[in-house]
PDB file of N, CA and C in Angstrom:
ATOM      1  N   MET A   1     -49.038 -18.609   4.049  1.00  0.00           N
ATOM      2  CA  MET A   1     -47.997 -18.894   3.086  1.00  0.00           C
ATOM      3  C   MET A   1     -47.092 -17.672   2.967  1.00  0.00           C
ATOM      4  N   SER A   2     -45.799 -17.906   2.987  1.00  0.00           N
ATOM      5  CA  SER A   2     -44.806 -16.841   2.839  1.00  0.00           C
ATOM      6  C   SER A   2     -44.644 -16.464   1.377  1.00  0.00           C
ATOM      7  N   GLY A   3     -44.268 -15.227   1.145  1.00  0.00           N
ATOM      8  CA  GLY A   3     -44.047 -14.777  -0.218  1.00  0.00           C
ATOM      9  C   GLY A   3     -43.862 -13.280  -0.264  1.00  0.00           C
ATOM     10  N   CYS A   4     -44.024 -12.736  -1.457  1.00  0.00           N
ATOM     11  CA  CYS A   4     -43.830 -11.304  -1.666  1.00  0.00           C
ATOM     12  C   CYS A   4     -44.997 -10.762  -2.487  1.00  0.00           C
ATOM     13  N   LEU A   5     -45.572  -9.669  -2.040  1.00  0.00           N
ATOM     14  CA  LEU A   5     -46.672  -9.024  -2.739  1.00  0.00           C
ATOM     15  C   LEU A   5     -46.135  -7.800  -3.467  1.00  0.00           C
ATOM     16  N   PHE A   6     -46.321  -7.775  -4.775  1.00  0.00           N
ATOM     17  CA  PHE A   6     -45.891  -6.660  -5.612  1.00  0.00           C
ATOM     18  C   PHE A   6     -47.115  -5.861  -6.011  1.00  0.00           C
ATOM     19  N   THR A   7     -46.984  -4.533  -6.051  1.00  0.00           N
ATOM     20  CA  THR A   7     -48.070  -3.653  -6.454  1.00  0.00           C
ATOM     21  C   THR A   7     -47.598  -2.762  -7.594  1.00  0.00           C
ATOM     22  N   SER A   8     -48.374  -2.738  -8.681  1.00  0.00           N
ATOM     23  CA  SER A   8     -48.037  -1.915  -9.843  1.00  0.00           C
ATOM     24  C   SER A   8     -48.194  -0.437  -9.506  1.00  0.00           C
ATOM     25  N   LYS A   9     -47.223   0.365  -9.904  1.00  0.00           N
ATOM     26  CA  LYS A   9     -47.326   1.817  -9.738  1.00  0.00           C
ATOM     27  C   LYS A   9     -48.205   2.429 -10.816  1.00  0.00           C
ATOM     28  N   GLN A  10     -48.438   1.683 -11.918  1.00  0.00           N
ATOM     29  CA  GLN A  10     -49.249   2.202 -13.022  1.00  0.00           C
ATOM     30  C   GLN A  10     -50.744   2.051 -12.771  1.00  0.00           C
ATOM     31  N   ASN A  11     -51.176   0.862 -12.312  1.00  0.00           N
ATOM     32  CA  ASN A  11     -52.619   0.641 -12.180  1.00  0.00           C
ATOM     33  C   ASN A  11     -53.049   0.110 -10.816  1.00  0.00           C
ATOM     34  N   GLY A  12     -52.107  -0.101  -9.907  1.00  0.00           N
ATOM     35  CA  GLY A  12     -52.448  -0.566  -8.562  1.00  0.00           C
ATOM     36  C   GLY A  12     -52.738  -2.059  -8.454  1.00  0.00           C
ATOM     37  N   ASN A  13     -52.655  -2.785  -9.568  1.00  0.00           N
ATOM     38  CA  ASN A  13     -52.862  -4.238  -9.514  1.00  0.00           C
ATOM     39  C   ASN A  13     -51.771  -4.878  -8.669  1.00  0.00           C
ATOM     40  N   THR A  14     -52.107  -6.014  -8.057  1.00  0.00           N
ATOM     41  CA  THR A  14     -51.146  -6.705  -7.209  1.00  0.00           C
ATOM     42  C   THR A  14     -50.844  -8.097  -7.757  1.00  0.00           C
ATOM     43  N   LEU A  15     -49.685  -8.592  -7.393  1.00  0.00           N
ATOM     44  CA  LEU A  15     -49.232  -9.924  -7.771  1.00  0.00           C
ATOM     45  C   LEU A  15     -48.535 -10.518  -6.562  1.00  0.00           C
ATOM     46  N   PHE A  16     -48.978 -11.699  -6.137  1.00  0.00           N
ATOM     47  CA  PHE A  16     -48.341 -12.394  -5.032  1.00  0.00           C
ATOM     48  C   PHE A  16     -47.507 -13.538  -5.587  1.00  0.00           C
ATOM     49  N   LEU A  17     -46.210 -13.573  -5.230  1.00  0.00           N
ATOM     50  CA  LEU A  17     -45.339 -14.672  -5.601  1.00  0.00           C
ATOM     51  C   LEU A  17     -44.970 -15.439  -4.333  1.00  0.00           C
ATOM     52  N   PRO A  18     -45.315 -16.720  -4.269  1.00  0.00           N
ATOM     53  CA  PRO A  18     -44.994 -17.507  -3.079  1.00  0.00           C
ATOM     54  C   PRO A  18     -43.490 -17.738  -2.923  1.00  0.00           C
ATOM     55  N   ALA A  19     -43.061 -17.886  -1.699  1.00  0.00           N
ATOM     56  CA  ALA A  19     -41.668 -18.237  -1.404  1.00  0.00           C
ATOM     57  C   ALA A  19     -41.535 -19.747  -1.606  1.00  0.00           C
ATOM     58  N   ALA A  20     -41.287 -20.138  -2.840  1.00  0.00           N
ATOM     59  CA  ALA A  20     -41.288 -21.558  -3.213  1.00  0.00           C
ATOM     60  C   ALA A  20     -39.904 -22.191  -3.153  1.00  0.00           C
ATOM     61  N   GLY A  21     -38.856 -21.404  -2.875  1.00  0.00           N
ATOM     62  CA  GLY A  21     -37.511 -21.959  -2.820  1.00  0.00           C
ATOM     63  C   GLY A  21     -37.007 -22.354  -4.195  1.00  0.00           C
ATOM     64  N   TYR A  22     -36.074 -23.307  -4.223  1.00  0.00           N
ATOM     65  CA  TYR A  22     -35.521 -23.795  -5.484  1.00  0.00           C
ATOM     66  C   TYR A  22     -35.146 -25.262  -5.328  1.00  0.00           C
ATOM     67  N   ILE A  23     -34.938 -25.932  -6.441  1.00  0.00           N
ATOM     68  CA  ILE A  23     -34.560 -27.344  -6.443  1.00  0.00           C
ATOM     69  C   ILE A  23     -33.115 -27.463  -6.893  1.00  0.00           C
ATOM     70  N   GLU A  24     -32.369 -28.258  -6.170  1.00  0.00           N
ATOM     71  CA  GLU A  24     -31.004 -28.600  -6.568  1.00  0.00           C
ATOM     72  C   GLU A  24     -30.823 -30.086  -6.293  1.00  0.00           C
ATOM     73  N   GLY A  25     -30.512 -30.840  -7.346  1.00  0.00           N
ATOM     74  CA  GLY A  25     -30.433 -32.293  -7.187  1.00  0.00           C
ATOM     75  C   GLY A  25     -31.804 -32.844  -6.851  1.00  0.00           C
ATOM     76  N   ASN A  26     -31.895 -33.577  -5.769  1.00  0.00           N
ATOM     77  CA  ASN A  26     -33.174 -34.154  -5.335  1.00  0.00           C
ATOM     78  C   ASN A  26     -33.816 -33.385  -4.186  1.00  0.00           C
ATOM     79  N   GLY A  27     -33.263 -32.226  -3.821  1.00  0.00           N
ATOM     80  CA  GLY A  27     -33.775 -31.496  -2.670  1.00  0.00           C
ATOM     81  C   GLY A  27     -34.398 -30.161  -3.008  1.00  0.00           C
ATOM     82  N   VAL A  28     -35.325 -29.747  -2.139  1.00  0.00           N
ATOM     83  CA  VAL A  28     -35.925 -28.410  -2.226  1.00  0.00           C
ATOM     84  C   VAL A  28     -35.328 -27.588  -1.096  1.00  0.00           C
ATOM     85  N   PHE A  29     -34.865 -26.385  -1.441  1.00  0.00           N
ATOM     86  CA  PHE A  29     -34.194 -25.538  -0.470  1.00  0.00           C
ATOM     87  C   PHE A  29     -34.880 -24.179  -0.361  1.00  0.00           C
ATOM     88  N   SER A  30     -34.857 -23.605   0.827  1.00  0.00           N
ATOM     89  CA  SER A  30     -35.363 -22.254   1.125  1.00  0.00           C
ATOM     90  C   SER A  30     -36.863 -22.085   0.891  1.00  0.00           C
ATOM     91  N   ASP A  31     -37.620 -23.195   0.750  1.00  0.00           N
ATOM     92  CA  ASP A  31     -39.062 -23.033   0.596  1.00  0.00           C
ATOM     93  C   ASP A  31     -39.622 -22.446   1.892  1.00  0.00           C
ATOM     94  N   GLU A  32     -40.609 -21.629   1.765  1.00  0.00           N
ATOM     95  CA  GLU A  32     -41.225 -20.848   2.840  1.00  0.00           C
ATOM     96  C   GLU A  32     -40.315 -19.742   3.367  1.00  0.00           C
ATOM     97  N   GLU A  33     -39.105 -19.582   2.790  1.00  0.00           N
ATOM     98  CA  GLU A  33     -38.198 -18.522   3.208  1.00  0.00           C
ATOM     99  C   GLU A  33     -37.927 -17.517   2.096  1.00  0.00           C
ATOM    100  N   ALA A  34     -37.734 -18.047   0.877  1.00  0.00           N
ATOM    101  CA  ALA A  34     -37.288 -17.202  -0.228  1.00  0.00           C
ATOM    102  C   ALA A  34     -37.965 -17.628  -1.525  1.00  0.00           C
ATOM    103  N   GLY A  35     -38.032 -16.685  -2.456  1.00  0.00           N
ATOM    104  CA  GLY A  35     -38.567 -16.972  -3.779  1.00  0.00           C
ATOM    105  C   GLY A  35     -37.464 -16.830  -4.816  1.00  0.00           C
ATOM    106  N   TYR A  36     -37.433 -17.758  -5.751  1.00  0.00           N
ATOM    107  CA  TYR A  36     -36.467 -17.751  -6.850  1.00  0.00           C
ATOM    108  C   TYR A  36     -37.272 -17.934  -8.126  1.00  0.00           C
ATOM    109  N   TYR A  37     -37.322 -16.912  -8.974  1.00  0.00           N
ATOM    110  CA  TYR A  37     -38.141 -16.941 -10.182  1.00  0.00           C
ATOM    111  C   TYR A  37     -37.296 -16.618 -11.396  1.00  0.00           C
ATOM    112  N   TRP A  38     -37.273 -17.542 -12.363  1.00  0.00           N
ATOM    113  CA  TRP A  38     -36.532 -17.300 -13.597  1.00  0.00           C
ATOM    114  C   TRP A  38     -37.134 -16.129 -14.352  1.00  0.00           C
ATOM    115  N   THR A  39     -36.271 -15.359 -15.001  1.00  0.00           N
ATOM    116  CA  THR A  39     -36.728 -14.358 -15.962  1.00  0.00           C
ATOM    117  C   THR A  39     -36.700 -15.022 -17.335  1.00  0.00           C
ATOM    118  N   ALA A  40     -37.013 -14.281 -18.362  1.00  0.00           N
ATOM    119  CA  ALA A  40     -36.986 -14.822 -19.723  1.00  0.00           C
ATOM    120  C   ALA A  40     -35.616 -14.660 -20.372  1.00  0.00           C
ATOM    121  N   ASP A  41     -34.635 -14.143 -19.627  1.00  0.00           N
ATOM    122  CA  ASP A  41     -33.352 -13.773 -20.222  1.00  0.00           C
ATOM    123  C   ASP A  41     -32.208 -14.702 -19.842  1.00  0.00           C
ATOM    124  N   VAL A  42     -31.581 -15.279 -20.861  1.00  0.00           N
ATOM    125  CA  VAL A  42     -30.350 -16.041 -20.691  1.00  0.00           C
ATOM    126  C   VAL A  42     -29.199 -15.044 -20.657  1.00  0.00           C
ATOM    127  N   CYS A  43     -28.154 -15.327 -19.899  1.00  0.00           N
ATOM    128  CA  CYS A  43     -26.992 -14.431 -19.821  1.00  0.00           C
ATOM    129  C   CYS A  43     -26.268 -14.383 -21.150  1.00  0.00           C
ATOM    130  N   GLN A  44     -25.869 -13.208 -21.533  1.00  0.00           N
ATOM    131  CA  GLN A  44     -25.169 -13.029 -22.806  1.00  0.00           C
ATOM    132  C   GLN A  44     -23.788 -13.661 -22.796  1.00  0.00           C
ATOM    133  N   HIS A  45     -23.110 -13.659 -21.667  1.00  0.00           N
ATOM    134  CA  HIS A  45     -21.745 -14.165 -21.591  1.00  0.00           C
ATOM    135  C   HIS A  45     -21.656 -15.686 -21.377  1.00  0.00           C
ATOM    136  N   ASN A  46     -22.770 -16.328 -20.996  1.00  0.00           N
ATOM    137  CA  ASN A  46     -22.755 -17.769 -20.743  1.00  0.00           C
ATOM    138  C   ASN A  46     -24.179 -18.295 -20.874  1.00  0.00           C
ATOM    139  N   ASP A  47     -24.477 -19.015 -21.961  1.00  0.00           N
ATOM    140  CA  ASP A  47     -25.861 -19.466 -22.161  1.00  0.00           C
ATOM    141  C   ASP A  47     -26.244 -20.638 -21.260  1.00  0.00           C
ATOM    142  N   ASN A  48     -25.345 -21.087 -20.381  1.00  0.00           N
ATOM    143  CA  ASN A  48     -25.696 -22.079 -19.366  1.00  0.00           C
ATOM    144  C   ASN A  48     -26.275 -21.428 -18.118  1.00  0.00           C
ATOM    145  N   THR A  49     -26.271 -20.084 -18.086  1.00  0.00           N
ATOM    146  CA  THR A  49     -26.819 -19.355 -16.954  1.00  0.00           C
ATOM    147  C   THR A  49     -27.942 -18.435 -17.420  1.00  0.00           C
ATOM    148  N   ALA A  50     -28.790 -18.069 -16.476  1.00  0.00           N
ATOM    149  CA  ALA A  50     -29.902 -17.174 -16.788  1.00  0.00           C
ATOM    150  C   ALA A  50     -30.150 -16.256 -15.593  1.00  0.00           C
ATOM    151  N   TRP A  51     -30.890 -15.202 -15.837  1.00  0.00           N
ATOM    152  CA  TRP A  51     -31.237 -14.242 -14.788  1.00  0.00           C
ATOM    153  C   TRP A  51     -32.441 -14.749 -14.005  1.00  0.00           C
ATOM    154  N   TYR A  52     -32.437 -14.487 -12.709  1.00  0.00           N
ATOM    155  CA  TYR A  52     -33.583 -14.815 -11.869  1.00  0.00           C
ATOM    156  C   TYR A  52     -33.793 -13.722 -10.828  1.00  0.00           C
ATOM    157  N   LEU A  53     -35.038 -13.603 -10.386  1.00  0.00           N
ATOM    158  CA  LEU A  53     -35.402 -12.687  -9.310  1.00  0.00           C
ATOM    159  C   LEU A  53     -35.398 -13.483  -8.012  1.00  0.00           C
ATOM    160  N   LYS A  54     -34.690 -12.979  -7.021  1.00  0.00           N
ATOM    161  CA  LYS A  54     -34.657 -13.618  -5.710  1.00  0.00           C
ATOM    162  C   LYS A  54     -35.226 -12.643  -4.686  1.00  0.00           C
ATOM    163  N   PHE A  55     -36.090 -13.141  -3.806  1.00  0.00           N
ATOM    164  CA  PHE A  55     -36.532 -12.306  -2.699  1.00  0.00           C
ATOM    165  C   PHE A  55     -36.485 -13.099  -1.401  1.00  0.00           C
ATOM    166  N   VAL A  56     -36.067 -12.410  -0.365  1.00  0.00           N
ATOM    167  CA  VAL A  56     -36.107 -12.914   1.003  1.00  0.00           C
ATOM    168  C   VAL A  56     -36.722 -11.797   1.820  1.00  0.00           C
ATOM    169  N   GLY A  57     -37.945 -12.006   2.285  1.00  0.00           N
ATOM    170  CA  GLY A  57     -38.653 -10.922   2.955  1.00  0.00           C
ATOM    171  C   GLY A  57     -38.813  -9.758   1.989  1.00  0.00           C
ATOM    172  N   PRO A  58     -38.494  -8.532   2.408  1.00  0.00           N
ATOM    173  CA  PRO A  58     -38.648  -7.369   1.526  1.00  0.00           C
ATOM    174  C   PRO A  58     -37.434  -7.114   0.621  1.00  0.00           C
ATOM    175  N   HIS A  59     -36.407  -7.927   0.711  1.00  0.00           N
ATOM    176  CA  HIS A  59     -35.171  -7.711  -0.040  1.00  0.00           C
ATOM    177  C   HIS A  59     -35.230  -8.412  -1.395  1.00  0.00           C
ATOM    178  N   LEU A  60     -35.031  -7.630  -2.473  1.00  0.00           N
ATOM    179  CA  LEU A  60     -35.070  -8.154  -3.841  1.00  0.00           C
ATOM    180  C   LEU A  60     -33.684  -8.093  -4.463  1.00  0.00           C
ATOM    181  N   GLN A  61     -33.373  -9.111  -5.274  1.00  0.00           N
ATOM    182  CA  GLN A  61     -32.121  -9.129  -6.020  1.00  0.00           C
ATOM    183  C   GLN A  61     -32.393  -9.704  -7.405  1.00  0.00           C
ATOM    184  N   LEU A  62     -31.680  -9.213  -8.390  1.00  0.00           N
ATOM    185  CA  LEU A  62     -31.682  -9.789  -9.725  1.00  0.00           C
ATOM    186  C   LEU A  62     -30.296 -10.383  -9.915  1.00  0.00           C
ATOM    187  N   ARG A  63     -30.238 -11.712 -10.090  1.00  0.00           N
ATOM    188  CA  ARG A  63     -28.966 -12.413 -10.111  1.00  0.00           C
ATOM    189  C   ARG A  63     -28.934 -13.421 -11.251  1.00  0.00           C
ATOM    190  N   THR A  64     -27.788 -14.067 -11.431  1.00  0.00           N
ATOM    191  CA  THR A  64     -27.669 -15.135 -12.418  1.00  0.00           C
ATOM    192  C   THR A  64     -27.335 -16.447 -11.711  1.00  0.00           C
ATOM    193  N   HIS A  65     -27.733 -17.538 -12.363  1.00  0.00           N
ATOM    194  CA  HIS A  65     -27.437 -18.861 -11.820  1.00  0.00           C
ATOM    195  C   HIS A  65     -27.475 -19.857 -12.961  1.00  0.00           C
ATOM    196  N   TYR A  66     -26.866 -21.014 -12.727  1.00  0.00           N
ATOM    197  CA  TYR A  66     -26.896 -22.067 -13.742  1.00  0.00           C
ATOM    198  C   TYR A  66     -28.320 -22.535 -13.978  1.00  0.00           C
ATOM    199  N   ARG A  67     -28.656 -22.731 -15.241  1.00  0.00           N
ATOM    200  CA  ARG A  67     -30.023 -23.086 -15.625  1.00  0.00           C
ATOM    201  C   ARG A  67     -30.423 -24.487 -15.173  1.00  0.00           C
ATOM    202  N   ILE A  68     -29.470 -25.296 -14.753  1.00  0.00           N
ATOM    203  CA  ILE A  68     -29.776 -26.640 -14.286  1.00  0.00           C
ATOM    204  C   ILE A  68     -30.520 -26.624 -12.942  1.00  0.00           C
ATOM    205  N   HIS A  69     -30.385 -25.528 -12.195  1.00  0.00           N
ATOM    206  CA  HIS A  69     -31.078 -25.406 -10.909  1.00  0.00           C
ATOM    207  C   HIS A  69     -32.556 -25.089 -11.146  1.00  0.00           C
ATOM    208  N   GLY A  70     -33.386 -25.559 -10.273  1.00  0.00           N
ATOM    209  CA  GLY A  70     -34.819 -25.442 -10.466  1.00  0.00           C
ATOM    210  C   GLY A  70     -35.446 -24.250  -9.791  1.00  0.00           C
ATOM    211  N   CYS A  71     -35.473 -23.132 -10.468  1.00  0.00           N
ATOM    212  CA  CYS A  71     -36.212 -21.973  -9.971  1.00  0.00           C
ATOM    213  C   CYS A  71     -37.651 -22.057 -10.476  1.00  0.00           C
ATOM    214  N   THR A  72     -38.526 -21.337  -9.827  1.00  0.00           N
ATOM    215  CA  THR A  72     -39.930 -21.312 -10.210  1.00  0.00           C
ATOM    216  C   THR A  72     -40.101 -20.540 -11.515  1.00  0.00           C
ATOM    217  N   ILE A  73     -41.075 -20.958 -12.299  1.00  0.00           N
ATOM    218  CA  ILE A  73     -41.446 -20.242 -13.521  1.00  0.00           C
ATOM    219  C   ILE A  73     -42.873 -19.759 -13.358  1.00  0.00           C
ATOM    220  N   ARG A  74     -43.104 -18.471 -13.569  1.00  0.00           N
ATOM    221  CA  ARG A  74     -44.451 -17.922 -13.512  1.00  0.00           C
ATOM    222  C   ARG A  74     -44.975 -17.810 -14.937  1.00  0.00           C
ATOM    223  N   ALA A  75     -46.020 -18.567 -15.229  1.00  0.00           N
ATOM    224  CA  ALA A  75     -46.617 -18.535 -16.563  1.00  0.00           C
ATOM    225  C   ALA A  75     -47.312 -17.199 -16.801  1.00  0.00           C
ATOM    226  N   VAL A  76     -47.168 -16.675 -18.006  1.00  0.00           N
ATOM    227  CA  VAL A  76     -47.785 -15.398 -18.360  1.00  0.00           C
ATOM    228  C   VAL A  76     -48.570 -15.593 -19.642  1.00  0.00           C
ATOM    229  N   LEU A  77     -49.808 -15.178 -19.643  1.00  0.00           N
ATOM    230  CA  LEU A  77     -50.669 -15.247 -20.814  1.00  0.00           C
ATOM    231  C   LEU A  77     -50.585 -13.924 -21.540  1.00  0.00           C
ATOM    232  N   LYS A  78     -50.213 -13.969 -22.821  1.00  0.00           N
ATOM    233  CA  LYS A  78     -50.127 -12.727 -23.600  1.00  0.00           C
ATOM    234  C   LYS A  78     -51.410 -12.492 -24.359  1.00  0.00           C
TER     235      LYS A  78
END
């Protein structure tokens, strides 16, 4: 399975995020190529958009996109 492995600089723990792609309309795009993960932050200038983490191979980007698109959500237990 394709994805990205992150390692904490604080404690050495690892987190693997699969390259799950995204959903637009009725289709899934970039699965097995890229990961698109929503953050918890809506854009201040437009609440119809939100921040997401995108990775393709080792390349990471923090970008914004319309919230109607289906990025992956990683559940976090507090």
